[in-house]
Protein backbone atom coordinates (compact mmCIF):
# COMPACT_ATOMS: atom_id res chain seq x y z
CA MET A 1 -89.02 11.33 44.70
CA ASN A 2 -89.90 9.73 41.40
CA LYS A 3 -87.97 11.51 38.62
CA ASN A 4 -90.96 11.08 36.32
CA TYR A 5 -93.28 12.85 38.76
CA GLY A 6 -94.05 15.95 36.66
CA GLU A 7 -94.44 13.93 33.47
CA THR A 8 -96.77 11.44 35.12
CA ASN A 9 -98.97 14.13 36.63
CA LEU A 10 -99.26 15.93 33.31
CA PHE A 11 -100.65 12.67 31.93
CA LEU A 12 -103.05 12.24 34.85
CA ARG A 13 -104.32 15.81 34.60
CA ARG A 14 -105.22 15.28 30.94
CA LEU A 15 -107.39 12.28 31.77
CA PRO A 16 -111.13 12.89 32.34
CA PHE A 17 -112.22 12.45 35.92
CA SER A 18 -114.54 9.69 34.75
CA PHE A 19 -111.33 7.66 34.30
CA PHE A 20 -110.81 7.69 38.05
CA ILE A 21 -114.47 6.92 38.80
CA GLY A 22 -114.44 4.15 36.22
CA GLY A 23 -111.32 2.73 37.86
CA VAL A 24 -113.02 2.26 41.24
CA LEU A 25 -114.42 -1.19 40.43
CA LEU A 26 -111.13 -2.42 38.99
CA PHE A 27 -109.26 -0.97 41.95
CA PHE A 28 -111.34 -2.80 44.52
CA ILE A 29 -111.28 -6.03 42.52
CA ALA A 30 -107.50 -5.79 42.41
CA LEU A 31 -107.43 -4.80 46.05
CA GLY A 32 -109.45 -7.88 46.94
CA CYS A 33 -106.96 -10.06 45.08
CA VAL A 34 -104.06 -8.39 46.86
CA ALA A 35 -105.80 -8.82 50.21
CA CYS A 36 -106.39 -12.52 49.58
CA SER A 37 -102.85 -13.23 48.36
CA CYS A 38 -101.20 -11.20 51.11
CA LYS A 39 -103.52 -12.08 53.98
CA SER A 40 -101.06 -14.57 55.40
CA LYS A 41 -98.14 -12.18 54.95
CA LEU A 42 -99.59 -8.93 56.25
CA SER A 43 -99.05 -8.19 59.91
CA LEU A 44 -102.03 -7.16 61.96
CA PRO A 45 -101.98 -3.46 62.90
CA PHE A 46 -100.43 -3.06 66.34
CA PRO A 47 -100.54 -0.24 68.91
CA ILE A 48 -97.40 1.45 70.12
CA ILE A 49 -96.54 4.08 72.72
CA PHE A 50 -93.56 6.43 72.40
CA SER A 51 -92.46 9.71 73.97
CA SER A 52 -92.18 13.21 72.57
CA ASN A 53 -89.26 15.39 73.61
CA ASP A 54 -91.38 17.35 76.08
CA GLY A 55 -92.71 14.34 77.97
CA PHE A 56 -96.01 13.48 76.28
CA LEU A 57 -96.70 9.78 75.82
CA ILE A 58 -97.99 9.36 72.27
CA GLY A 59 -100.29 6.52 71.26
CA ALA A 60 -100.20 5.27 67.68
CA THR A 61 -101.03 2.31 65.46
CA VAL A 62 -98.55 0.89 62.95
CA TYR A 63 -99.63 -0.95 59.78
CA VAL A 64 -96.73 -2.96 58.34
CA PRO A 65 -96.97 -4.12 54.69
CA ALA A 66 -95.53 -7.28 53.18
CA ALA A 67 -92.52 -5.51 51.67
CA GLU A 68 -88.95 -4.68 52.59
CA ALA A 69 -87.95 -1.01 52.96
CA PRO A 70 -91.45 0.18 51.99
CA PRO A 71 -92.54 3.79 51.57
CA GLY A 72 -94.26 5.27 54.61
CA ILE A 73 -97.01 7.68 55.52
CA LEU A 74 -97.90 9.50 58.74
CA LEU A 75 -101.61 10.13 59.38
CA LEU A 76 -102.85 13.00 61.57
CA HIS A 77 -106.47 13.37 62.69
CA ARG A 78 -108.69 16.43 63.23
CA TYR A 79 -109.16 18.42 66.44
CA GLY A 80 -111.27 16.34 68.82
CA GLY A 81 -110.73 13.13 66.82
CA ASN A 82 -108.36 10.21 67.19
CA ARG A 83 -106.30 7.85 65.08
CA LYS A 84 -109.17 5.35 64.70
CA LEU A 85 -110.73 7.70 62.13
CA TRP A 86 -108.00 6.62 59.70
CA GLU A 87 -108.42 2.84 60.14
CA GLN A 88 -110.07 2.11 56.78
CA VAL A 89 -107.68 4.29 54.80
CA ALA A 90 -104.66 2.94 56.71
CA SER A 91 -105.65 -0.69 55.98
CA ILE A 92 -106.01 0.03 52.25
CA LEU A 93 -102.64 1.77 52.10
CA GLN A 94 -101.03 -1.12 53.99
CA GLN A 95 -102.40 -3.54 51.40
CA GLN A 96 -100.92 -1.31 48.72
CA GLY A 97 -97.44 -1.80 50.18
CA ILE A 98 -97.17 1.34 52.30
CA MET A 99 -96.20 1.34 55.97
CA VAL A 100 -98.65 3.51 57.89
CA LEU A 101 -98.37 5.15 61.29
CA ALA A 102 -101.55 6.83 62.56
CA LEU A 103 -101.07 8.72 65.80
CA ASP A 104 -103.24 10.38 68.41
CA LEU A 105 -102.38 14.07 68.66
CA ARG A 106 -101.43 15.16 72.17
CA GLY A 107 -104.42 15.47 74.46
CA HIS A 108 -106.41 13.01 72.32
CA GLY A 109 -107.04 9.30 72.66
CA ASP A 110 -104.02 7.46 74.05
CA SER A 111 -101.87 10.59 73.98
CA SER A 112 -103.33 12.19 77.08
CA THR A 113 -100.48 11.76 79.57
CA LYS A 114 -97.56 14.12 80.13
CA LEU A 115 -95.00 13.44 82.86
CA GLY A 116 -97.53 11.30 84.70
CA ASN A 117 -100.37 13.85 84.50
CA SER A 118 -103.56 13.40 82.47
CA ILE A 119 -104.15 16.24 79.99
CA HIS A 120 -107.24 16.63 77.79
CA TYR A 121 -106.91 18.46 74.48
CA ARG A 122 -109.38 21.14 75.62
CA GLN A 123 -106.90 22.05 78.35
CA LEU A 124 -104.20 22.89 75.82
CA PRO A 125 -103.92 26.60 74.92
CA ASP A 126 -104.32 27.58 71.27
CA ASP A 127 -100.74 28.82 71.08
CA SER A 128 -99.38 25.39 72.05
CA TRP A 129 -100.49 23.34 69.05
CA MET A 130 -97.28 23.81 67.10
CA GLN A 131 -95.65 21.69 69.82
CA VAL A 132 -97.40 18.72 68.19
CA LEU A 133 -94.55 18.83 65.66
CA GLN A 134 -92.48 17.16 68.40
CA ASP A 135 -94.96 14.27 68.41
CA ILE A 136 -94.76 13.95 64.63
CA ARG A 137 -90.98 14.03 64.75
CA ALA A 138 -91.00 11.13 67.22
CA ALA A 139 -93.55 9.25 65.07
CA LYS A 140 -91.36 9.59 61.99
CA LYS A 141 -88.45 8.15 63.98
CA VAL A 142 -90.62 5.10 64.75
CA LEU A 143 -91.35 4.62 61.04
CA LEU A 144 -87.63 4.66 60.28
CA GLU A 145 -86.92 2.18 63.08
CA LYS A 146 -89.54 -0.13 61.55
CA GLY A 147 -87.68 -0.11 58.24
CA VAL A 148 -89.34 2.56 56.09
CA ASP A 149 -87.38 3.96 53.14
CA SER A 150 -86.21 7.35 54.44
CA HIS A 151 -86.48 8.82 50.94
CA SER A 152 -90.14 7.83 50.52
CA ILE A 153 -92.20 9.37 53.30
CA VAL A 154 -95.43 11.35 52.92
CA ILE A 155 -97.54 13.01 55.61
CA ALA A 156 -101.32 13.42 55.56
CA GLY A 157 -103.80 15.12 57.84
CA GLU A 158 -107.43 16.19 58.14
CA GLY A 159 -108.53 19.54 59.55
CA LEU A 160 -106.06 20.58 62.25
CA GLY A 161 -103.95 17.58 61.27
CA ALA A 162 -103.66 18.97 57.73
CA ALA A 163 -102.24 22.25 59.04
CA LEU A 164 -99.77 20.42 61.27
CA ALA A 165 -98.75 18.12 58.40
CA LEU A 166 -97.93 21.14 56.26
CA HIS A 167 -95.82 22.79 58.96
CA TYR A 168 -93.98 19.55 59.68
CA ALA A 169 -93.10 19.19 55.98
CA LEU A 170 -91.49 22.63 56.13
CA GLU A 171 -89.04 21.47 58.78
CA ASP A 172 -88.27 17.97 57.50
CA SER A 173 -86.72 17.62 54.05
CA ASP A 174 -87.38 13.85 54.09
CA ILE A 175 -91.08 14.49 53.55
CA GLN A 176 -91.82 13.93 49.86
CA GLY A 177 -95.45 15.04 49.75
CA VAL A 178 -98.32 16.42 51.83
CA VAL A 179 -101.97 15.34 51.65
CA MET A 180 -104.33 17.93 53.19
CA VAL A 181 -107.94 16.80 53.68
CA SER A 182 -110.51 19.49 54.59
CA PRO A 183 -107.84 22.09 55.41
CA GLY A 184 -108.35 25.54 56.88
CA LEU A 185 -106.46 28.79 56.42
CA ASP A 186 -106.18 29.32 60.17
CA LEU A 187 -107.10 26.59 62.65
CA LEU A 188 -106.30 27.13 66.33
CA GLY A 189 -103.83 29.84 65.42
CA ILE A 190 -101.92 27.74 62.86
CA PRO A 191 -101.73 29.64 59.53
CA THR A 192 -101.40 27.65 56.33
CA GLU A 193 -101.56 30.07 53.38
CA GLU A 194 -98.20 31.69 54.09
CA ALA A 195 -96.74 28.36 55.14
CA ILE A 196 -97.56 26.59 51.87
CA LYS A 197 -95.74 29.34 49.96
CA GLN A 198 -92.53 28.19 51.65
CA LEU A 199 -92.67 24.59 50.46
CA ASP A 200 -89.63 23.61 48.43
CA ASP A 201 -89.92 20.63 46.08
CA CYS A 202 -92.73 19.06 48.11
CA PRO A 203 -95.98 18.46 46.16
CA THR A 204 -99.36 18.82 47.86
CA LEU A 205 -102.72 17.14 47.37
CA LEU A 206 -105.70 19.15 48.64
CA CYS A 207 -109.06 17.41 49.11
CA ALA A 208 -112.41 18.75 50.32
CA SER A 209 -116.17 18.45 49.88
CA GLU A 210 -118.01 21.18 48.00
CA GLY A 211 -120.60 21.57 50.76
CA ASP A 212 -117.91 21.86 53.45
CA SER A 213 -117.57 25.48 52.39
CA TYR A 214 -114.73 26.68 54.63
CA ALA A 215 -112.60 23.65 53.79
CA ALA A 216 -113.35 23.92 50.05
CA THR A 217 -112.55 27.64 49.97
CA SER A 218 -109.38 27.09 51.99
CA ALA A 219 -108.24 24.22 49.77
CA SER A 220 -108.70 26.37 46.66
CA ALA A 221 -106.73 29.27 48.18
CA LEU A 222 -103.92 26.96 49.27
CA ASN A 223 -103.76 25.38 45.83
CA GLN A 224 -103.32 28.80 44.26
CA SER A 225 -100.63 29.78 46.78
CA ALA A 226 -98.52 26.63 46.45
CA PRO A 227 -95.21 27.41 44.69
CA VAL A 228 -94.60 23.80 43.59
CA TYR A 229 -96.89 21.18 42.09
CA SER A 230 -100.28 21.12 43.83
CA GLU A 231 -103.37 19.06 43.01
CA LEU A 232 -106.85 20.18 44.08
CA ARG A 233 -109.85 17.82 44.18
CA ILE A 234 -113.31 18.87 45.32
CA TRP A 235 -116.03 16.23 45.73
CA SER A 236 -119.78 16.71 46.08
CA GLY A 237 -121.53 16.58 49.44
CA THR A 238 -120.65 17.89 52.87
CA ALA A 239 -118.38 15.17 54.31
CA HIS A 240 -115.52 16.53 56.38
CA GLY A 241 -112.07 15.04 56.81
CA VAL A 242 -111.69 11.29 56.40
CA ASP A 243 -115.48 10.97 56.15
CA LEU A 244 -114.91 12.11 52.57
CA PHE A 245 -113.32 8.74 51.76
CA ALA A 246 -116.36 6.85 53.04
CA ALA A 247 -118.75 9.09 51.09
CA HIS A 248 -116.68 8.85 47.89
CA PRO A 249 -114.74 5.57 47.51
CA GLU A 250 -113.28 6.95 44.25
CA SER A 251 -111.42 9.52 46.33
CA ILE A 252 -109.36 6.72 47.90
CA VAL A 253 -108.50 5.53 44.39
CA PHE A 254 -107.36 9.01 43.45
CA VAL A 255 -105.20 9.38 46.57
CA ALA A 256 -103.59 5.98 45.92
CA GLN A 257 -102.81 7.00 42.34
CA TRP A 258 -101.41 10.32 43.53
CA LEU A 259 -99.14 8.52 45.99
CA ARG A 260 -97.81 6.37 43.17
CA THR A 261 -96.55 9.53 41.48
CA ILE A 262 -94.62 10.38 44.66
CA PHE A 263 -93.20 6.99 45.59
CA ASP A 264 -91.02 4.94 43.31
CA SER A 265 -93.50 2.64 41.55
CA ASP A 266 -91.13 -0.31 42.10
CA THR A 267 -91.81 -0.13 45.83
CA LEU A 268 -95.59 -0.48 45.50
């Protein structure tokens, strides 16, 4: 983790939010330049299939940046969604020098086969969702095999994925930060308020829309319960999960800036 993390965030917190909104245009101009200069160097996103310890085949997409030993991020979708929801965000993060792995949670998308049998997510009992941590563990191993810096890994999720991201961070000390988009206090039997109290030296970013009332209320409660540094951002509207980034492009700018305070700036 960046040693200047706390100092940098104190600076960011003192800046008016209009700074971030005003930076949107510059961000996308710069992003366009990066995209043009790196177009020939960036690999196209590619699908991959790997196995969890209990026999699920897990489908994922890997976005490899034009950098050696880059930081990495794992992206987890909502209940009933799939990894394609993260495509726009994943492409932007790839262009920013971050290796991205977006996976389908078991029972979703290309992760619907276990030991040769097809399994739909609606068939999975509520008390089985913590087993998804096995899928995330296998996904993190893939990131490391692809050359990610083991000391610069963040995990992000929306809805159910946010709850699972938090619980995975509790078991893996390599995780340097957690981004929770439209979180809940209890989704499919996975509690988050008590879990976030157990985080040790792992900052959190909580994002939600004001009109998405359960997510906004949950994000506020989690922010108050976090024992280490936690950032809360509420945007207008009712967009849920990654739809928030489409509704508010400035939110992508803010997340990218937040990630820079987690990863060593020399790697981005």
